Amino acid sequence: MANLGMFIGALFVVFLVPGPDMVLLLQTSSTQGRGQAIATAIGLGLARAAHVTLAAAGLATLLKTVPWAFEMVRVVGVAYLVWLGIKLARASTLAPHLSTAATEASSTAYLAAMRRGLLTNITNPKALLFCSVLLPQFVQADAGSVPGQFLLLGVVLVAIGLLFDFIYAMAGVALGNWIERHPLMQTVQRWTFAAVLIGFGARLAVTGSPE
């Protein structure tokens, strides 16, 4: 595909923009360790793969043509982000104890982390609409199988997303190690991440239905 490099460049720009996914990864890795952050990244990757599949199937058009469908998905997304923010704000402490996080985390904790990542992204209708708008621009009818091109672009999108997720996870671990040595910053971190998640929920709440 002649425009694959341009597509990758566009993805780099998109994944550098702060959003709920980035905040969730930073919060998880800084307080619960690298393992659970990677589980969260896997959940995010699964959600993006689902969005690509839905966009290829044309189901994203439903959100554009049926207003109540978009509203329903948006309400769920808003409620989930606000719930995450409130839960974070009410936590008694976010002391990471990263040295023991890897050994103490159970399979249930990893599954919960993966579920948080999946739900954070899959309940965001803007993510599905993004895939439905971006991917077709790089599909060329005269360049071979259209489903094959969608598959390639989807694999690249998920792979680039995971790359950035792992980078943010490592940055969060470093942040957690620093915060562990500065107790006051644990409170600042807790309220900052909570406010940002609720803020993303509020922004999604005022997003207009797609034309």
Foldseek 3Di string as FASTA:
>chain_A
DVCVVVLLVVLVVVLVDDDPLLLLLLLCCLQQNLLLLLLLLLLLLVLLLVLLVCLVVVVLVVLQPPVVVVVVLLVQLLVLLLVVLVVLLPDPFSQRPHVCSVVPDDPVSSNVSSVNSNSNRNSQSVSSVVSNPSQVVPADPPPDDRVVSSVVSSVSSSVSSSVSSSVSSVVSNVVNVVCNVPVVVRNVSSNVSSVVSNVSSVVSVPDDRHD
